[in-house]
Amino acid sequence: MSEDELPGPTDWGATVGVGPWDGPWPEDPRYDPELLAGGDRRNVVDRYRYWTVPAIVADLDRRRHEFSVAIENFGHDLNIGTVVRTANAFLAAEVHIVGRRRWNRRGAMVTDRYQHLRHHADVGGLLAAAVEEQRQVVAVDNSPGAVPIETADLPRRCLLLFGQEGPGLSEEARAGADLTVSIAQFGSTRSINVGVAAGIAMHAWIRQHATIG
């Protein structure tokens, strides 16, 4: 089974996707002739069955949210794929990867095809892009002085910035942030997985700013 055919979280043990199109083919150019003929086993929602990748991206672009996400990748962090997949789920405007250009895409479950990605060699380049796009940089880090994300007012147009697993955010990233928020923890460990933290932060933005339903 290829990555395109990997089942979603509720699909294990069930047939994934749909088979060949039944009946006259639609004339809509968004549909992919190969998928119509062979079936669509991709991990996409039903509204995008049989659509080409460019058509799906174009439709997502009409509805993307106003937040972007950035993650530092100076140590080849394996969590980047999870961050990209979650950004796709919450329809982030863009994902910025800072540091190493190469990253492990398996965790993204092919969602990187539908998500805009941008690379920056260093934090300075990322911060310059945030200024150009008029985004407030919100660092997610359990450092002294951080505002609890559970009570923070997240800017609508912002860049959620995450550090690497282990060392966390670089000093330059911390210094360049307009706001730093922390995630409340109640157990024995001092930090949580950066992929999990990214999901919590993105959902906090969704709860404050997205239209549900």
N, C-alpha and C. Protein backbone atom coordinates (compact mmCIF):
# COMPACT_ATOMS: atom_id res chain seq x y z
N MET A 1 0.85 -1.19 0.00
CA MET A 1 0.00 0.00 0.00
C MET A 1 0.88 1.24 0.00
N SER A 2 0.63 2.16 -0.90
CA SER A 2 1.42 3.38 -0.98
C SER A 2 0.93 4.38 0.04
N GLU A 3 1.71 5.47 0.23
CA GLU A 3 1.30 6.50 1.17
C GLU A 3 -0.02 7.15 0.74
N ASP A 4 -0.25 7.24 -0.57
CA ASP A 4 -1.51 7.81 -1.06
C ASP A 4 -2.70 6.99 -0.58
N GLU A 5 -2.48 5.69 -0.37
CA GLU A 5 -3.58 4.79 -0.06
C GLU A 5 -3.69 4.49 1.42
N LEU A 6 -2.85 5.11 2.24
CA LEU A 6 -2.92 4.86 3.66
C LEU A 6 -4.28 5.27 4.20
N PRO A 7 -4.93 4.42 4.99
CA PRO A 7 -6.26 4.74 5.49
C PRO A 7 -6.23 5.84 6.53
N GLY A 8 -7.35 6.52 6.67
CA GLY A 8 -7.48 7.51 7.73
C GLY A 8 -7.68 6.81 9.05
N PRO A 9 -7.81 7.58 10.15
CA PRO A 9 -7.85 7.00 11.48
C PRO A 9 -9.05 6.10 11.73
N THR A 10 -10.14 6.24 10.95
CA THR A 10 -11.31 5.41 11.17
C THR A 10 -11.48 4.36 10.09
N ASP A 11 -10.48 4.21 9.22
CA ASP A 11 -10.65 3.35 8.05
C ASP A 11 -10.01 1.97 8.17
N TRP A 12 -9.29 1.70 9.28
CA TRP A 12 -8.60 0.42 9.38
C TRP A 12 -9.61 -0.72 9.33
N GLY A 13 -9.33 -1.68 8.49
CA GLY A 13 -10.21 -2.83 8.35
C GLY A 13 -11.35 -2.60 7.38
N ALA A 14 -11.46 -1.43 6.81
CA ALA A 14 -12.53 -1.12 5.86
C ALA A 14 -11.92 -0.78 4.52
N THR A 15 -12.74 -0.88 3.47
CA THR A 15 -12.28 -0.49 2.15
C THR A 15 -12.08 1.02 2.13
N VAL A 16 -10.92 1.44 1.66
CA VAL A 16 -10.59 2.86 1.66
C VAL A 16 -10.99 3.49 0.34
N GLY A 17 -11.67 4.64 0.40
CA GLY A 17 -11.98 5.37 -0.81
C GLY A 17 -13.13 4.78 -1.60
N VAL A 18 -13.09 5.03 -2.91
CA VAL A 18 -14.17 4.61 -3.80
C VAL A 18 -13.57 3.96 -5.04
N GLY A 19 -14.35 3.13 -5.69
CA GLY A 19 -13.92 2.46 -6.90
C GLY A 19 -14.11 3.33 -8.13
N PRO A 20 -13.99 2.74 -9.31
CA PRO A 20 -14.18 3.49 -10.55
C PRO A 20 -15.55 4.17 -10.60
N TRP A 21 -15.61 5.31 -11.30
CA TRP A 21 -16.85 6.08 -11.41
C TRP A 21 -17.93 5.23 -12.07
N ASP A 22 -19.13 5.26 -11.51
CA ASP A 22 -20.25 4.48 -12.03
C ASP A 22 -21.17 5.41 -12.82
N GLY A 23 -21.27 5.20 -14.13
CA GLY A 23 -22.14 6.02 -14.95
C GLY A 23 -21.35 6.93 -15.86
N PRO A 24 -22.06 7.83 -16.57
CA PRO A 24 -21.37 8.76 -17.47
C PRO A 24 -20.38 9.63 -16.70
N TRP A 25 -19.23 9.84 -17.29
CA TRP A 25 -18.22 10.66 -16.60
C TRP A 25 -18.62 12.11 -16.58
N PRO A 26 -18.34 12.81 -15.47
CA PRO A 26 -18.63 14.24 -15.41
C PRO A 26 -17.70 15.03 -16.34
N GLU A 27 -18.19 16.14 -16.85
CA GLU A 27 -17.40 16.98 -17.75
C GLU A 27 -16.62 18.05 -16.99
N ASP A 28 -16.83 18.14 -15.70
CA ASP A 28 -16.15 19.13 -14.86
C ASP A 28 -14.63 18.90 -14.94
N PRO A 29 -13.85 19.93 -15.31
CA PRO A 29 -12.39 19.76 -15.46
C PRO A 29 -11.67 19.47 -14.15
N ARG A 30 -12.35 19.61 -13.02
CA ARG A 30 -11.70 19.31 -11.75
C ARG A 30 -11.48 17.80 -11.57
N TYR A 31 -12.20 16.99 -12.31
CA TYR A 31 -12.09 15.55 -12.15
C TYR A 31 -10.91 14.98 -12.93
N ASP A 32 -10.27 13.99 -12.34
CA ASP A 32 -9.08 13.36 -12.91
C ASP A 32 -9.51 12.10 -13.66
N PRO A 33 -9.26 12.01 -14.98
CA PRO A 33 -9.68 10.84 -15.76
C PRO A 33 -9.11 9.53 -15.21
N GLU A 34 -7.87 9.54 -14.74
CA GLU A 34 -7.27 8.32 -14.21
C GLU A 34 -7.99 7.85 -12.96
N LEU A 35 -8.38 8.79 -12.10
CA LEU A 35 -9.10 8.42 -10.89
C LEU A 35 -10.51 7.96 -11.21
N LEU A 36 -11.15 8.60 -12.17
CA LEU A 36 -12.48 8.16 -12.58
C LEU A 36 -12.45 6.73 -13.10
N ALA A 37 -11.39 6.41 -13.81
CA ALA A 37 -11.29 5.07 -14.40
C ALA A 37 -10.89 4.02 -13.39
N GLY A 38 -9.96 4.37 -12.49
CA GLY A 38 -9.40 3.37 -11.58
C GLY A 38 -9.88 3.43 -10.16
N GLY A 39 -10.60 4.48 -9.80
CA GLY A 39 -11.03 4.64 -8.42
C GLY A 39 -10.11 5.59 -7.67
N ASP A 40 -10.60 6.08 -6.55
CA ASP A 40 -9.85 7.05 -5.76
C ASP A 40 -9.67 6.51 -4.35
N ARG A 41 -8.45 6.06 -4.05
CA ARG A 41 -8.15 5.48 -2.74
C ARG A 41 -7.34 6.43 -1.86
N ARG A 42 -7.31 7.69 -2.21
CA ARG A 42 -6.53 8.66 -1.44
C ARG A 42 -7.22 8.98 -0.11
N ASN A 43 -6.42 9.49 0.81
CA ASN A 43 -6.94 9.89 2.12
C ASN A 43 -7.43 11.34 2.03
N VAL A 44 -8.56 11.53 1.32
CA VAL A 44 -9.17 12.85 1.19
C VAL A 44 -10.64 12.74 1.60
N VAL A 45 -11.22 13.88 1.97
CA VAL A 45 -12.64 13.89 2.32
C VAL A 45 -13.46 13.63 1.07
N ASP A 46 -14.72 13.22 1.28
CA ASP A 46 -15.55 12.78 0.16
C ASP A 46 -15.78 13.85 -0.89
N ARG A 47 -15.81 15.13 -0.49
CA ARG A 47 -16.10 16.18 -1.47
C ARG A 47 -15.00 16.26 -2.53
N TYR A 48 -13.81 15.73 -2.23
CA TYR A 48 -12.70 15.81 -3.17
C TYR A 48 -12.43 14.49 -3.90
N ARG A 49 -13.32 13.54 -3.78
CA ARG A 49 -13.13 12.28 -4.49
C ARG A 49 -13.08 12.53 -6.01
N TYR A 50 -12.09 11.93 -6.63
CA TYR A 50 -11.86 11.98 -8.08
C TYR A 50 -11.28 13.32 -8.56
N TRP A 51 -11.10 14.29 -7.67
CA TRP A 51 -10.56 15.58 -8.09
C TRP A 51 -9.05 15.49 -8.29
N THR A 52 -8.52 16.31 -9.18
CA THR A 52 -7.07 16.41 -9.33
C THR A 52 -6.49 17.15 -8.12
N VAL A 53 -5.20 16.97 -7.88
CA VAL A 53 -4.54 17.67 -6.77
C VAL A 53 -4.62 19.18 -6.96
N PRO A 54 -4.30 19.73 -8.15
CA PRO A 54 -4.42 21.18 -8.31
C PRO A 54 -5.82 21.70 -8.04
N ALA A 55 -6.83 20.95 -8.40
CA ALA A 55 -8.21 21.38 -8.16
C ALA A 55 -8.51 21.42 -6.67
N ILE A 56 -8.01 20.43 -5.94
CA ILE A 56 -8.22 20.41 -4.49
C ILE A 56 -7.52 21.60 -3.84
N VAL A 57 -6.27 21.85 -4.24
CA VAL A 57 -5.51 22.97 -3.67
C VAL A 57 -6.22 24.29 -3.95
N ALA A 58 -6.71 24.46 -5.15
CA ALA A 58 -7.40 25.70 -5.52
C ALA A 58 -8.64 25.91 -4.67
N ASP A 59 -9.37 24.83 -4.40
CA ASP A 59 -10.57 24.95 -3.57
C ASP A 59 -10.20 25.27 -2.13
N LEU A 60 -9.15 24.63 -1.61
CA LEU A 60 -8.69 24.93 -0.25
C LEU A 60 -8.23 26.39 -0.14
N ASP A 61 -7.60 26.89 -1.19
CA ASP A 61 -7.08 28.26 -1.17
C ASP A 61 -8.21 29.28 -1.01
N ARG A 62 -9.39 28.95 -1.43
CA ARG A 62 -10.51 29.89 -1.29
C ARG A 62 -10.96 30.00 0.16
N ARG A 63 -10.59 29.01 0.99
CA ARG A 63 -11.15 28.94 2.34
C ARG A 63 -10.08 28.95 3.45
N ARG A 64 -8.82 29.12 3.08
CA ARG A 64 -7.77 29.00 4.10
C ARG A 64 -7.93 30.03 5.21
N HIS A 65 -7.49 29.63 6.42
CA HIS A 65 -7.56 30.52 7.57
C HIS A 65 -6.40 31.51 7.55
N GLU A 66 -6.46 32.46 8.46
CA GLU A 66 -5.50 33.56 8.44
C GLU A 66 -4.24 33.29 9.25
N PHE A 67 -4.13 32.13 9.86
CA PHE A 67 -2.90 31.83 10.60
C PHE A 67 -1.96 30.97 9.75
N SER A 68 -0.67 31.17 9.97
CA SER A 68 0.34 30.30 9.38
C SER A 68 1.10 29.61 10.50
N VAL A 69 1.90 28.65 10.14
CA VAL A 69 2.64 27.85 11.12
C VAL A 69 4.10 27.80 10.70
N ALA A 70 5.00 27.83 11.67
CA ALA A 70 6.42 27.68 11.39
C ALA A 70 7.05 26.74 12.40
N ILE A 71 8.01 25.94 11.94
CA ILE A 71 8.72 25.04 12.83
C ILE A 71 10.20 25.05 12.47
N GLU A 72 11.04 25.11 13.49
CA GLU A 72 12.48 25.08 13.28
C GLU A 72 12.93 23.65 13.00
N ASN A 73 13.88 23.53 12.08
CA ASN A 73 14.35 22.21 11.64
C ASN A 73 15.87 22.17 11.57
N PHE A 74 16.51 22.65 12.59
CA PHE A 74 17.98 22.65 12.59
C PHE A 74 18.56 21.28 12.93
N GLY A 75 17.74 20.40 13.49
CA GLY A 75 18.21 19.07 13.87
C GLY A 75 17.46 17.95 13.21
N HIS A 76 16.86 18.21 12.05
CA HIS A 76 16.10 17.19 11.30
C HIS A 76 15.00 16.58 12.18
N ASP A 77 14.11 17.43 12.64
CA ASP A 77 13.04 17.02 13.54
C ASP A 77 12.05 16.12 12.81
N LEU A 78 11.78 14.95 13.38
CA LEU A 78 10.87 13.99 12.76
C LEU A 78 9.40 14.36 12.95
N ASN A 79 9.12 15.40 13.74
CA ASN A 79 7.75 15.80 14.00
C ASN A 79 7.17 16.71 12.93
N ILE A 80 7.98 17.15 12.00
CA ILE A 80 7.50 18.12 11.02
C ILE A 80 6.34 17.56 10.20
N GLY A 81 6.41 16.30 9.84
CA GLY A 81 5.32 15.70 9.08
C GLY A 81 4.00 15.80 9.82
N THR A 82 4.03 15.56 11.13
CA THR A 82 2.82 15.67 11.94
C THR A 82 2.31 17.10 11.95
N VAL A 83 3.21 18.06 12.06
CA VAL A 83 2.81 19.47 12.05
C VAL A 83 2.15 19.83 10.72
N VAL A 84 2.72 19.37 9.62
CA VAL A 84 2.16 19.65 8.30
C VAL A 84 0.78 19.02 8.15
N ARG A 85 0.64 17.79 8.60
CA ARG A 85 -0.65 17.11 8.50
C ARG A 85 -1.72 17.85 9.31
N THR A 86 -1.34 18.30 10.52
CA THR A 86 -2.29 19.02 11.36
C THR A 86 -2.62 20.38 10.76
N ALA A 87 -1.62 21.05 10.18
CA ALA A 87 -1.87 22.33 9.52
C ALA A 87 -2.86 22.18 8.38
N ASN A 88 -2.77 21.07 7.66
CA ASN A 88 -3.72 20.80 6.59
C ASN A 88 -5.12 20.58 7.16
N ALA A 89 -5.20 19.84 8.26
CA ALA A 89 -6.50 19.57 8.88
C ALA A 89 -7.20 20.84 9.33
N PHE A 90 -6.43 21.80 9.85
CA PHE A 90 -7.00 23.05 10.33
C PHE A 90 -6.93 24.16 9.28
N LEU A 91 -6.49 23.83 8.08
CA LEU A 91 -6.50 24.72 6.92
C LEU A 91 -5.66 25.98 7.16
N ALA A 92 -4.42 25.77 7.60
CA ALA A 92 -3.50 26.89 7.77
C ALA A 92 -3.16 27.50 6.41
N ALA A 93 -2.86 28.78 6.42
CA ALA A 93 -2.51 29.46 5.17
C ALA A 93 -1.23 28.90 4.59
N GLU A 94 -0.25 28.61 5.46
CA GLU A 94 1.06 28.17 4.98
C GLU A 94 1.83 27.54 6.13
N VAL A 95 2.78 26.68 5.78
CA VAL A 95 3.71 26.12 6.76
C VAL A 95 5.12 26.54 6.37
N HIS A 96 5.83 27.16 7.29
CA HIS A 96 7.21 27.58 7.08
C HIS A 96 8.14 26.61 7.80
N ILE A 97 9.17 26.16 7.11
CA ILE A 97 10.17 25.27 7.70
C ILE A 97 11.49 26.03 7.73
N VAL A 98 12.07 26.16 8.92
CA VAL A 98 13.26 26.98 9.12
C VAL A 98 14.46 26.07 9.39
N GLY A 99 15.52 26.26 8.62
CA GLY A 99 16.73 25.46 8.83
C GLY A 99 16.94 24.48 7.69
N ARG A 100 17.03 23.22 8.01
CA ARG A 100 17.26 22.22 6.98
C ARG A 100 16.07 22.15 6.02
N ARG A 101 16.39 22.07 4.75
CA ARG A 101 15.33 22.00 3.73
C ARG A 101 14.67 20.63 3.72
N ARG A 102 15.45 19.58 3.96
CA ARG A 102 14.90 18.23 3.90
C ARG A 102 14.23 17.88 5.22
N TRP A 103 13.11 17.20 5.15
CA TRP A 103 12.42 16.74 6.35
C TRP A 103 11.69 15.44 6.04
N ASN A 104 11.40 14.67 7.06
CA ASN A 104 10.76 13.37 6.91
C ASN A 104 9.27 13.57 6.61
N ARG A 105 8.85 13.21 5.41
CA ARG A 105 7.49 13.49 4.97
C ARG A 105 6.49 12.40 5.32
N ARG A 106 6.95 11.30 5.85
CA ARG A 106 6.02 10.20 6.08
C ARG A 106 4.89 10.59 7.04
N GLY A 107 5.23 11.33 8.08
CA GLY A 107 4.20 11.72 9.04
C GLY A 107 3.15 12.64 8.47
N ALA A 108 3.46 13.27 7.34
CA ALA A 108 2.49 14.18 6.72
C ALA A 108 1.36 13.43 6.02
N MET A 109 1.53 12.13 5.80
CA MET A 109 0.50 11.31 5.15
C MET A 109 0.03 11.93 3.83
N VAL A 110 0.99 12.46 3.06
CA VAL A 110 0.76 13.02 1.72
C VAL A 110 0.01 14.36 1.76
N THR A 111 -0.30 14.88 2.94
CA THR A 111 -1.01 16.16 3.01
C THR A 111 -0.15 17.33 2.55
N ASP A 112 1.17 17.12 2.46
CA ASP A 112 2.02 18.20 1.96
C ASP A 112 1.70 18.55 0.50
N ARG A 113 1.02 17.66 -0.21
CA ARG A 113 0.61 17.97 -1.58
C ARG A 113 -0.45 19.06 -1.61
N TYR A 114 -1.19 19.20 -0.52
CA TYR A 114 -2.31 20.12 -0.48
C TYR A 114 -2.03 21.35 0.37
N GLN A 115 -0.84 21.40 0.97
CA GLN A 115 -0.51 22.48 1.88
C GLN A 115 0.65 23.31 1.33
N HIS A 116 0.52 24.63 1.35
CA HIS A 116 1.61 25.49 0.89
C HIS A 116 2.76 25.44 1.90
N LEU A 117 3.96 25.17 1.40
CA LEU A 117 5.15 25.07 2.23
C LEU A 117 6.18 26.08 1.77
N ARG A 118 6.90 26.69 2.73
CA ARG A 118 7.95 27.63 2.37
C ARG A 118 9.16 27.37 3.27
N HIS A 119 10.35 27.44 2.68
CA HIS A 119 11.59 27.19 3.42
C HIS A 119 12.32 28.49 3.68
N HIS A 120 12.92 28.59 4.88
CA HIS A 120 13.79 29.70 5.24
C HIS A 120 15.08 29.12 5.80
N ALA A 121 16.19 29.65 5.38
CA ALA A 121 17.48 29.14 5.85
C ALA A 121 17.70 29.43 7.33
N ASP A 122 17.11 30.52 7.81
CA ASP A 122 17.34 30.89 9.21
C ASP A 122 16.12 31.63 9.76
N VAL A 123 16.15 31.88 11.07
CA VAL A 123 15.03 32.54 11.73
C VAL A 123 14.85 33.96 11.23
N GLY A 124 15.96 34.63 10.91
CA GLY A 124 15.87 35.99 10.40
C GLY A 124 15.01 36.08 9.15
N GLY A 125 15.17 35.13 8.26
CA GLY A 125 14.36 35.10 7.05
C GLY A 125 12.89 34.89 7.35
N LEU A 126 12.60 34.04 8.33
CA LEU A 126 11.21 33.80 8.73
C LEU A 126 10.59 35.07 9.31
N LEU A 127 11.31 35.73 10.22
CA LEU A 127 10.78 36.93 10.85
C LEU A 127 10.56 38.04 9.83
N ALA A 128 11.45 38.14 8.85
CA ALA A 128 11.27 39.14 7.80
C ALA A 128 10.01 38.85 6.99
N ALA A 129 9.74 37.58 6.72
CA ALA A 129 8.53 37.21 5.99
C ALA A 129 7.28 37.54 6.79
N ALA A 130 7.34 37.35 8.11
CA ALA A 130 6.19 37.68 8.97
C ALA A 130 5.90 39.17 8.94
N VAL A 131 6.95 39.99 8.97
CA VAL A 131 6.76 41.44 8.89
C VAL A 131 6.15 41.82 7.55
N GLU A 132 6.66 41.23 6.48
CA GLU A 132 6.16 41.53 5.14
C GLU A 132 4.68 41.19 5.00
N GLU A 133 4.28 40.09 5.63
CA GLU A 133 2.89 39.64 5.55
C GLU A 133 2.02 40.22 6.66
N GLN A 134 2.60 41.07 7.48
CA GLN A 134 1.89 41.71 8.59
C GLN A 134 1.27 40.67 9.52
N ARG A 135 2.09 39.69 9.87
CA ARG A 135 1.66 38.67 10.82
C ARG A 135 2.37 38.86 12.16
N GLN A 136 1.63 38.74 13.24
CA GLN A 136 2.24 38.74 14.56
C GLN A 136 2.79 37.35 14.84
N VAL A 137 4.02 37.29 15.34
CA VAL A 137 4.66 36.02 15.62
C VAL A 137 4.30 35.57 17.03
N VAL A 138 3.66 34.42 17.14
CA VAL A 138 3.26 33.85 18.42
C VAL A 138 4.10 32.60 18.67
N ALA A 139 5.07 32.71 19.56
CA ALA A 139 5.91 31.56 19.90
C ALA A 139 5.17 30.68 20.91
N VAL A 140 5.24 29.38 20.69
CA VAL A 140 4.62 28.43 21.61
C VAL A 140 5.75 27.76 22.37
N ASP A 141 5.90 28.13 23.66
CA ASP A 141 7.07 27.69 24.42
C ASP A 141 6.78 27.87 25.91
N ASN A 142 7.08 26.86 26.69
CA ASN A 142 6.87 26.94 28.13
C ASN A 142 8.05 27.63 28.81
N SER A 143 8.24 28.88 28.49
CA SER A 143 9.36 29.64 29.05
C SER A 143 8.82 30.68 30.03
N PRO A 144 9.67 31.18 30.92
CA PRO A 144 9.22 32.20 31.89
C PRO A 144 8.60 33.40 31.18
N GLY A 145 7.48 33.86 31.71
CA GLY A 145 6.80 35.01 31.14
C GLY A 145 5.79 34.69 30.07
N ALA A 146 5.69 33.42 29.69
CA ALA A 146 4.72 33.03 28.66
C ALA A 146 3.30 33.17 29.19
N VAL A 147 2.39 33.55 28.31
CA VAL A 147 0.97 33.69 28.65
C VAL A 147 0.29 32.34 28.42
N PRO A 148 -0.51 31.85 29.35
CA PRO A 148 -1.21 30.57 29.11
C PRO A 148 -2.08 30.65 27.86
N ILE A 149 -1.91 29.70 26.96
CA ILE A 149 -2.68 29.73 25.72
C ILE A 149 -4.16 29.55 25.99
N GLU A 150 -4.47 28.94 27.13
CA GLU A 150 -5.88 28.71 27.48
C GLU A 150 -6.62 30.02 27.74
N THR A 151 -5.91 31.08 28.08
CA THR A 151 -6.55 32.38 28.34
C THR A 151 -6.07 33.48 27.40
N ALA A 152 -5.11 33.19 26.55
CA ALA A 152 -4.54 34.20 25.67
C ALA A 152 -5.49 34.55 24.53
N ASP A 153 -5.46 35.81 24.11
CA ASP A 153 -6.18 36.24 22.91
C ASP A 153 -5.20 36.14 21.74
N LEU A 154 -5.37 35.12 20.93
CA LEU A 154 -4.47 34.92 19.81
C LEU A 154 -4.82 35.88 18.67
N PRO A 155 -3.84 36.53 18.08
CA PRO A 155 -4.13 37.41 16.94
C PRO A 155 -4.74 36.62 15.80
N ARG A 156 -5.69 37.25 15.11
CA ARG A 156 -6.31 36.56 13.97
C ARG A 156 -5.28 36.29 12.88
N ARG A 157 -4.48 37.28 12.56
CA ARG A 157 -3.46 37.13 11.51
C ARG A 157 -2.12 36.92 12.21
N CYS A 158 -1.75 35.67 12.36
CA CYS A 158 -0.54 35.39 13.14
C CYS A 158 0.26 34.25 12.52
N LEU A 159 1.45 34.10 13.05
CA LEU A 159 2.35 33.00 12.69
C LEU A 159 2.65 32.25 13.97
N LEU A 160 2.17 31.02 14.07
CA LEU A 160 2.43 30.18 15.24
C LEU A 160 3.78 29.52 15.05
N LEU A 161 4.70 29.78 15.97
CA LEU A 161 6.09 29.36 15.81
C LEU A 161 6.45 28.30 16.85
N PHE A 162 7.01 27.18 16.38
CA PHE A 162 7.36 26.06 17.23
C PHE A 162 8.85 25.71 17.09
N GLY A 163 9.44 25.29 18.19
CA GLY A 163 10.83 24.87 18.17
C GLY A 163 10.95 23.39 17.90
N GLN A 164 12.16 22.90 18.00
CA GLN A 164 12.43 21.48 17.75
C GLN A 164 12.12 20.65 18.99
N GLU A 165 11.88 19.38 18.76
CA GLU A 165 11.74 18.45 19.87
C GLU A 165 13.05 18.43 20.65
N GLY A 166 12.96 18.60 21.94
CA GLY A 166 14.17 18.60 22.79
C GLY A 166 14.60 20.01 23.15
N PRO A 167 15.38 20.68 22.28
CA PRO A 167 15.88 22.01 22.64
C PRO A 167 14.82 23.10 22.62
N GLY A 168 13.73 22.89 21.94
CA GLY A 168 12.70 23.92 21.86
C GLY A 168 13.10 25.04 20.93
N LEU A 169 12.53 26.20 21.14
CA LEU A 169 12.80 27.35 20.28
C LEU A 169 14.21 27.89 20.47
N SER A 170 14.79 28.34 19.38
CA SER A 170 16.09 28.98 19.47
C SER A 170 15.95 30.34 20.15
N GLU A 171 17.05 30.87 20.64
CA GLU A 171 17.03 32.17 21.31
C GLU A 171 16.58 33.27 20.35
N GLU A 172 17.01 33.18 19.11
CA GLU A 172 16.62 34.18 18.12
C GLU A 172 15.12 34.16 17.89
N ALA A 173 14.53 32.97 17.87
CA ALA A 173 13.09 32.85 17.68
C ALA A 173 12.34 33.43 18.87
N ARG A 174 12.81 33.12 20.07
CA ARG A 174 12.16 33.68 21.27
C ARG A 174 12.22 35.20 21.26
N ALA A 175 13.38 35.73 20.92
CA ALA A 175 13.56 37.19 20.93
C ALA A 175 12.71 37.88 19.87
N GLY A 176 12.45 37.20 18.77
CA GLY A 176 11.71 37.81 17.68
C GLY A 176 10.21 37.70 17.78
N ALA A 177 9.71 36.98 18.78
CA ALA A 177 8.27 36.77 18.92
C ALA A 177 7.58 38.01 19.48
N ASP A 178 6.38 38.28 18.98
CA ASP A 178 5.55 39.36 19.53
C ASP A 178 4.83 38.91 20.78
N LEU A 179 4.58 37.62 20.88
CA LEU A 179 3.85 37.04 22.01
C LEU A 179 4.34 35.62 22.20
N THR A 180 4.50 35.20 23.44
CA THR A 180 4.85 33.81 23.75
C THR A 180 3.75 33.20 24.60
N VAL A 181 3.27 32.05 24.18
CA VAL A 181 2.21 31.37 24.93
C VAL A 181 2.70 29.99 25.36
N SER A 182 2.17 29.53 26.49
CA SER A 182 2.52 28.22 27.02
C SER A 182 1.28 27.35 27.08
N ILE A 183 1.48 26.05 27.12
CA ILE A 183 0.39 25.09 27.23
C ILE A 183 0.41 24.48 28.62
N ALA A 184 -0.69 24.55 29.32
CA ALA A 184 -0.76 24.05 30.69
C ALA A 184 -0.51 22.55 30.73
N GLN A 185 0.34 22.12 31.65
CA GLN A 185 0.64 20.71 31.84
C GLN A 185 0.51 20.37 33.32
N PHE A 186 0.12 19.13 33.60
CA PHE A 186 -0.18 18.75 34.98
C PHE A 186 0.54 17.47 35.42
N GLY A 187 1.38 16.93 34.55
CA GLY A 187 2.08 15.69 34.89
C GLY A 187 3.51 15.94 35.32
N SER A 188 4.36 14.93 35.15
CA SER A 188 5.73 14.98 35.66
C SER A 188 6.75 15.46 34.64
N THR A 189 6.41 15.43 33.34
CA THR A 189 7.39 15.83 32.33
C THR A 189 7.38 17.35 32.14
N ARG A 190 8.51 17.90 31.69
CA ARG A 190 8.63 19.35 31.57
C ARG A 190 8.13 19.87 30.23
N SER A 191 7.88 18.98 29.28
CA SER A 191 7.41 19.43 27.97
C SER A 191 6.60 18.34 27.31
N ILE A 192 5.88 18.72 26.25
CA ILE A 192 5.14 17.74 25.47
C ILE A 192 5.68 17.72 24.05
N ASN A 193 5.36 16.66 23.34
CA ASN A 193 5.82 16.50 21.97
C ASN A 193 5.41 17.70 21.13
N VAL A 194 6.34 18.17 20.27
CA VAL A 194 6.08 19.39 19.51
C VAL A 194 4.93 19.20 18.52
N GLY A 195 4.75 17.98 18.01
CA GLY A 195 3.62 17.74 17.13
C GLY A 195 2.30 17.88 17.86
N VAL A 196 2.26 17.41 19.11
CA VAL A 196 1.06 17.56 19.93
C VAL A 196 0.84 19.02 20.27
N ALA A 197 1.91 19.71 20.66
CA ALA A 197 1.80 21.14 21.00
C ALA A 197 1.26 21.94 19.82
N ALA A 198 1.72 21.62 18.62
CA ALA A 198 1.26 22.33 17.43
C ALA A 198 -0.24 22.13 17.22
N GLY A 199 -0.70 20.91 17.43
CA GLY A 199 -2.12 20.64 17.28
C GLY A 199 -2.96 21.41 18.29
N ILE A 200 -2.49 21.47 19.53
CA ILE A 200 -3.21 22.21 20.57
C ILE A 200 -3.27 23.69 20.23
N ALA A 201 -2.14 24.25 19.79
CA ALA A 201 -2.09 25.68 19.48
C ALA A 201 -2.97 26.02 18.29
N MET A 202 -2.93 25.21 17.25
CA MET A 202 -3.77 25.48 16.08
C MET A 202 -5.24 25.40 16.44
N HIS A 203 -5.59 24.43 17.27
CA HIS A 203 -7.00 24.29 17.65
C HIS A 203 -7.44 25.45 18.54
N ALA A 204 -6.52 25.98 19.35
CA ALA A 204 -6.85 27.16 20.15
C ALA A 204 -7.19 28.34 19.23
N TRP A 205 -6.44 28.49 18.13
CA TRP A 205 -6.76 29.54 17.17
C TRP A 205 -8.12 29.28 16.54
N ILE A 206 -8.39 28.04 16.17
CA ILE A 206 -9.66 27.66 15.54
C ILE A 206 -10.82 28.01 16.46
N ARG A 207 -10.69 27.70 17.73
CA ARG A 207 -11.78 27.97 18.68
C ARG A 207 -12.06 29.46 18.79
N GLN A 208 -11.06 30.29 18.63
CA GLN A 208 -11.24 31.73 18.77
C GLN A 208 -11.72 32.41 17.48
N HIS A 209 -11.29 31.90 16.33
CA HIS A 209 -11.48 32.66 15.11
C HIS A 209 -12.21 31.97 13.97
N ALA A 210 -12.29 30.65 13.97
CA ALA A 210 -12.87 29.95 12.82
C ALA A 210 -14.39 29.88 12.92
N THR A 211 -15.02 29.81 11.76
CA THR A 211 -16.45 29.59 11.69
C THR A 211 -16.70 28.08 11.68
N ILE A 212 -17.42 27.59 12.67
CA ILE A 212 -17.66 26.15 12.79
C ILE A 212 -19.04 25.82 12.24
N GLY A 213 -19.07 24.78 11.39
CA GLY A 213 -20.35 24.34 10.85
C GLY A 213 -20.76 25.06 9.58
